[in-house]
Amino acid sequence: MKDKAKMNEMNVPRQRRTQDGLGPNTDIGAKLRAFYGSVEDQPIPDNLLDLLDKLDQVERASKQKGN
């Protein structure tokens, strides 16, 4: 009898997510959004900011020479 009760529990249909037409791509999209959202919140590394500043300085210097 116990085995029959366990079998009945196993045959209960699982709740499914609503169909949005994308199937497993919905899960992938949600995980990618969460990952990129966390990356967005991270600060820009100082060495990258220094590099961008140097690039701006070179651009300004080349514009002044060109005038």
Protein backbone atom coordinates (compact mmCIF):
# COMPACT_ATOMS: atom_id res chain seq x y z
CA MET A 1 0.00 0.00 0.00
CA LYS A 2 2.80 2.41 0.80
CA ASP A 3 4.33 1.89 -2.63
CA LYS A 4 1.03 2.65 -4.32
CA ALA A 5 0.75 5.91 -2.36
CA LYS A 6 4.25 6.88 -3.45
CA MET A 7 3.40 6.10 -7.07
CA ASN A 8 0.32 8.30 -6.85
CA GLU A 9 2.43 11.16 -5.51
CA MET A 10 4.85 10.77 -8.39
CA ASN A 11 2.04 10.95 -10.96
CA VAL A 12 0.88 14.38 -9.81
CA PRO A 13 1.38 16.72 -12.75
CA ARG A 14 4.03 19.37 -12.25
CA GLN A 15 3.04 22.98 -12.39
CA ARG A 16 4.32 24.49 -15.59
CA ARG A 17 5.27 28.03 -16.28
CA THR A 18 3.04 30.03 -18.53
CA GLN A 19 3.95 29.61 -22.15
CA ASP A 20 5.50 32.74 -23.63
CA GLY A 21 6.55 31.07 -26.85
CA LEU A 22 10.25 31.12 -25.98
CA GLY A 23 10.55 27.93 -23.93
CA PRO A 24 13.99 27.50 -22.33
CA ASN A 25 15.14 30.81 -23.84
CA THR A 26 13.07 32.58 -21.20
CA ASP A 27 15.23 31.10 -18.44
CA ILE A 28 18.43 31.93 -20.32
CA GLY A 29 17.27 35.50 -20.87
CA ALA A 30 16.38 35.97 -17.21
CA LYS A 31 19.77 34.67 -16.08
CA LEU A 32 21.61 36.87 -18.58
CA ARG A 33 19.67 39.95 -17.44
CA ALA A 34 20.55 39.18 -13.82
CA PHE A 35 24.23 38.67 -14.68
CA TYR A 36 24.56 41.82 -16.78
CA GLY A 37 22.65 43.78 -14.16
CA SER A 38 25.23 42.80 -11.56
CA VAL A 39 28.05 43.75 -13.94
CA GLU A 40 26.45 47.15 -14.51
CA ASP A 41 26.53 47.84 -10.79
CA GLN A 42 30.30 47.28 -10.55
CA PRO A 43 32.54 50.35 -10.59
CA ILE A 44 34.78 51.11 -13.55
CA PRO A 45 38.37 50.02 -12.75
CA ASP A 46 40.81 52.86 -12.05
CA ASN A 47 43.29 51.69 -14.68
CA LEU A 48 40.58 51.92 -17.35
CA LEU A 49 39.64 55.43 -16.21
CA ASP A 50 43.33 56.43 -16.35
CA LEU A 51 43.62 55.03 -19.86
CA LEU A 52 40.53 56.95 -21.00
CA ASP A 53 41.92 60.13 -19.47
CA LYS A 54 45.22 59.69 -21.33
CA LEU A 55 43.30 59.14 -24.56
CA ASP A 56 41.37 62.37 -24.01
CA GLN A 57 44.62 64.24 -23.42
CA VAL A 58 46.11 62.90 -26.67
CA GLU A 59 42.97 63.85 -28.60
CA ARG A 60 43.02 67.40 -27.18
CA ALA A 61 46.72 67.78 -27.98
CA SER A 62 46.21 66.60 -31.57
CA LYS A 63 43.31 69.02 -32.07
CA GLN A 64 45.41 71.92 -30.79
CA LYS A 65 48.24 71.03 -33.20
CA GLY A 66 45.78 70.77 -36.08
CA ASN A 67 44.40 74.32 -35.53
